[in-house]
Amino acid sequence: MNLFNRIPGFVVTPPGMERRVLALLPKALVVGSLLLALPSLVIRLLVNDALELGTSTLVSTVDIYGISLLLLHWAVVITVAIAAFIVMVMKGPAYVADPYPLIETDEPSPSKLQEVPDLD
């Protein structure tokens, strides 16, 4: 028995923007991650003496913001990838979900009818 029976006559929708989005996501992930890591690197290069009171808190604050924005960026990229994949799958061919013949006809058989007692 073949588990994936395509529905005959179903027209497959041509690929659209979802393929372009899926192709651009790895580049967006790498470039976005590098850009979000840049402030932490720049603040470490600009601060000469990190032992001073004000600069150590500044460096740690920039690091915390950078890490939180990096995790947010990754979550957005993964969410967009899942959405584009769902659109790509839904544009594909349609399959028969439950290919089994119906036992009943359009009208129920008389033997299956139940008599309803009158309440009068």
C-alpha atoms as a PDB file:
ATOM      1  CA  MET A   1       0.000   0.000   0.000  1.00  0.00           C
ATOM      2  CA  ASN A   2       1.361   3.392  -1.001  1.00  0.00           C
ATOM      3  CA  LEU A   3       1.098   5.859   1.892  1.00  0.00           C
ATOM      4  CA  PHE A   4       1.359   8.952  -0.299  1.00  0.00           C
ATOM      5  CA  ASN A   5      -1.317   8.903  -2.993  1.00  0.00           C
ATOM      6  CA  ARG A   6      -1.471  12.192  -4.874  1.00  0.00           C
ATOM      7  CA  ILE A   7      -4.869  13.605  -5.711  1.00  0.00           C
ATOM      8  CA  PRO A   8      -5.246  13.389  -9.500  1.00  0.00           C
ATOM      9  CA  GLY A   9      -5.747  16.684 -11.309  1.00  0.00           C
ATOM     10  CA  PHE A  10      -4.363  18.843  -8.497  1.00  0.00           C
ATOM     11  CA  VAL A  11      -2.404  21.818  -9.836  1.00  0.00           C
ATOM     12  CA  VAL A  12       0.838  22.492  -7.974  1.00  0.00           C
ATOM     13  CA  THR A  13       1.426  26.174  -7.250  1.00  0.00           C
ATOM     14  CA  PRO A  14       4.747  27.444  -8.598  1.00  0.00           C
ATOM     15  CA  PRO A  15       7.378  28.447  -6.037  1.00  0.00           C
ATOM     16  CA  GLY A  16       7.312  32.067  -4.994  1.00  0.00           C
ATOM     17  CA  MET A  17       8.880  34.329  -2.423  1.00  0.00           C
ATOM     18  CA  GLU A  18       9.240  31.568   0.174  1.00  0.00           C
ATOM     19  CA  ARG A  19      12.118  30.002  -1.792  1.00  0.00           C
ATOM     20  CA  ARG A  20      13.948  33.330  -1.978  1.00  0.00           C
ATOM     21  CA  VAL A  21      13.413  33.868   1.751  1.00  0.00           C
ATOM     22  CA  LEU A  22      14.748  30.394   2.560  1.00  0.00           C
ATOM     23  CA  ALA A  23      17.775  31.034   0.346  1.00  0.00           C
ATOM     24  CA  LEU A  24      18.556  34.355   2.068  1.00  0.00           C
ATOM     25  CA  LEU A  25      18.133  33.153   5.653  1.00  0.00           C
ATOM     26  CA  PRO A  26      21.650  31.681   6.164  1.00  0.00           C
ATOM     27  CA  LYS A  27      23.209  34.924   4.960  1.00  0.00           C
ATOM     28  CA  ALA A  28      20.867  36.973   7.174  1.00  0.00           C
ATOM     29  CA  LEU A  29      21.742  34.784  10.160  1.00  0.00           C
ATOM     30  CA  VAL A  30      25.508  35.181   9.737  1.00  0.00           C
ATOM     31  CA  VAL A  31      25.543  38.874   8.805  1.00  0.00           C
ATOM     32  CA  GLY A  32      23.017  39.790  11.491  1.00  0.00           C
ATOM     33  CA  SER A  33      24.937  37.867  14.134  1.00  0.00           C
ATOM     34  CA  LEU A  34      28.186  39.582  13.203  1.00  0.00           C
ATOM     35  CA  LEU A  35      26.569  43.022  13.243  1.00  0.00           C
ATOM     36  CA  LEU A  36      25.018  42.371  16.649  1.00  0.00           C
ATOM     37  CA  ALA A  37      28.363  41.179  18.054  1.00  0.00           C
ATOM     38  CA  LEU A  38      30.124  44.283  16.749  1.00  0.00           C
ATOM     39  CA  PRO A  39      29.185  46.683  19.612  1.00  0.00           C
ATOM     40  CA  SER A  40      30.698  44.352  22.207  1.00  0.00           C
ATOM     41  CA  LEU A  41      33.927  44.134  20.248  1.00  0.00           C
ATOM     42  CA  VAL A  42      34.089  47.891  19.666  1.00  0.00           C
ATOM     43  CA  ILE A  43      33.476  48.774  23.323  1.00  0.00           C
ATOM     44  CA  ARG A  44      36.269  46.417  24.386  1.00  0.00           C
ATOM     45  CA  LEU A  45      38.672  48.037  21.926  1.00  0.00           C
ATOM     46  CA  LEU A  46      37.749  51.585  22.977  1.00  0.00           C
ATOM     47  CA  VAL A  47      37.983  50.994  26.715  1.00  0.00           C
ATOM     48  CA  ASN A  48      41.662  50.910  27.644  1.00  0.00           C
ATOM     49  CA  ASP A  49      41.392  50.181  31.327  1.00  0.00           C
ATOM     50  CA  ALA A  50      38.423  47.933  32.185  1.00  0.00           C
ATOM     51  CA  LEU A  51      39.290  47.997  35.897  1.00  0.00           C
ATOM     52  CA  GLU A  52      37.771  51.431  36.405  1.00  0.00           C
ATOM     53  CA  LEU A  53      34.372  51.463  38.068  1.00  0.00           C
ATOM     54  CA  GLY A  54      32.308  53.021  35.278  1.00  0.00           C
ATOM     55  CA  THR A  55      33.832  51.159  32.335  1.00  0.00           C
ATOM     56  CA  SER A  56      33.357  47.654  33.706  1.00  0.00           C
ATOM     57  CA  THR A  57      29.637  48.197  34.135  1.00  0.00           C
ATOM     58  CA  LEU A  58      29.449  49.754  30.669  1.00  0.00           C
ATOM     59  CA  VAL A  59      31.164  46.735  29.106  1.00  0.00           C
ATOM     60  CA  SER A  60      28.917  44.267  30.917  1.00  0.00           C
ATOM     61  CA  THR A  61      25.783  46.260  30.019  1.00  0.00           C
ATOM     62  CA  VAL A  62      26.732  46.314  26.334  1.00  0.00           C
ATOM     63  CA  ASP A  63      27.446  42.578  26.498  1.00  0.00           C
ATOM     64  CA  ILE A  64      24.062  41.820  28.070  1.00  0.00           C
ATOM     65  CA  TYR A  65      22.216  43.899  25.472  1.00  0.00           C
ATOM     66  CA  GLY A  66      24.253  42.341  22.677  1.00  0.00           C
ATOM     67  CA  ILE A  67      23.556  38.783  23.806  1.00  0.00           C
ATOM     68  CA  SER A  68      19.851  39.463  24.265  1.00  0.00           C
ATOM     69  CA  LEU A  69      19.559  41.034  20.801  1.00  0.00           C
ATOM     70  CA  LEU A  70      21.542  38.159  19.295  1.00  0.00           C
ATOM     71  CA  LEU A  71      19.156  35.598  20.794  1.00  0.00           C
ATOM     72  CA  LEU A  72      16.187  37.643  19.589  1.00  0.00           C
ATOM     73  CA  HIS A  73      17.679  37.758  16.083  1.00  0.00           C
ATOM     74  CA  TRP A  74      18.160  33.992  16.050  1.00  0.00           C
ATOM     75  CA  ALA A  75      14.575  33.437  17.227  1.00  0.00           C
ATOM     76  CA  VAL A  76      13.230  35.705  14.477  1.00  0.00           C
ATOM     77  CA  VAL A  77      15.294  33.946  11.800  1.00  0.00           C
ATOM     78  CA  ILE A  78      14.109  30.521  12.979  1.00  0.00           C
ATOM     79  CA  THR A  79      10.477  31.704  13.058  1.00  0.00           C
ATOM     80  CA  VAL A  80      10.710  33.104   9.521  1.00  0.00           C
ATOM     81  CA  ALA A  81      12.336  29.857   8.349  1.00  0.00           C
ATOM     82  CA  ILE A  82       9.523  27.764   9.838  1.00  0.00           C
ATOM     83  CA  ALA A  83       6.885  30.009   8.254  1.00  0.00           C
ATOM     84  CA  ALA A  84       8.555  29.885   4.820  1.00  0.00           C
ATOM     85  CA  PHE A  85       8.889  26.102   5.072  1.00  0.00           C
ATOM     86  CA  ILE A  86       5.188  25.749   5.920  1.00  0.00           C
ATOM     87  CA  VAL A  87       4.239  27.870   2.902  1.00  0.00           C
ATOM     88  CA  MET A  88       6.542  25.788   0.692  1.00  0.00           C
ATOM     89  CA  VAL A  89       4.988  22.523   1.901  1.00  0.00           C
ATOM     90  CA  MET A  90       1.437  23.817   1.495  1.00  0.00           C
ATOM     91  CA  LYS A  91       2.135  24.827  -2.111  1.00  0.00           C
ATOM     92  CA  GLY A  92       3.209  21.279  -2.936  1.00  0.00           C
ATOM     93  CA  PRO A  93       1.046  18.468  -4.263  1.00  0.00           C
ATOM     94  CA  ALA A  94      -2.094  17.408  -2.417  1.00  0.00           C
ATOM     95  CA  TYR A  95      -2.310  13.900  -1.041  1.00  0.00           C
ATOM     96  CA  VAL A  96      -5.234  11.692  -0.118  1.00  0.00           C
ATOM     97  CA  ALA A  97      -5.500  11.684   3.655  1.00  0.00           C
ATOM     98  CA  ASP A  98      -7.688   8.611   4.290  1.00  0.00           C
ATOM     99  CA  PRO A  99      -8.104   6.471   1.174  1.00  0.00           C
ATOM    100  CA  TYR A 100     -10.782   4.021   2.309  1.00  0.00           C
ATOM    101  CA  PRO A 101     -14.181   3.333   0.748  1.00  0.00           C
ATOM    102  CA  LEU A 102     -17.331   4.462   2.540  1.00  0.00           C
ATOM    103  CA  ILE A 103     -19.619   1.667   3.733  1.00  0.00           C
ATOM    104  CA  GLU A 104     -22.735   3.835   3.981  1.00  0.00           C
ATOM    105  CA  THR A 105     -24.604   5.258   1.016  1.00  0.00           C
ATOM    106  CA  ASP A 106     -26.234   8.675   0.780  1.00  0.00           C
ATOM    107  CA  GLU A 107     -29.254   7.411   2.687  1.00  0.00           C
ATOM    108  CA  PRO A 108     -29.072   5.223   5.788  1.00  0.00           C
ATOM    109  CA  SER A 109     -30.295   1.668   5.483  1.00  0.00           C
ATOM    110  CA  PRO A 110     -33.686   0.887   7.102  1.00  0.00           C
ATOM    111  CA  SER A 111     -32.140  -1.606   9.507  1.00  0.00           C
ATOM    112  CA  LYS A 112     -30.009   1.138  11.035  1.00  0.00           C
ATOM    113  CA  LEU A 113     -32.949   3.447  11.726  1.00  0.00           C
ATOM    114  CA  GLN A 114     -34.132   3.524  15.280  1.00  0.00           C
ATOM    115  CA  GLU A 115     -37.682   4.069  16.295  1.00  0.00           C
ATOM    116  CA  VAL A 116     -38.208   7.130  18.439  1.00  0.00           C
ATOM    117  CA  PRO A 117     -40.894   6.558  21.105  1.00  0.00           C
ATOM    118  CA  ASP A 118     -43.710   9.084  21.266  1.00  0.00           C
ATOM    119  CA  LEU A 119     -43.824  11.082  24.474  1.00  0.00           C
ATOM    120  CA  ASP A 120     -47.601  11.652  24.210  1.00  0.00           C
END
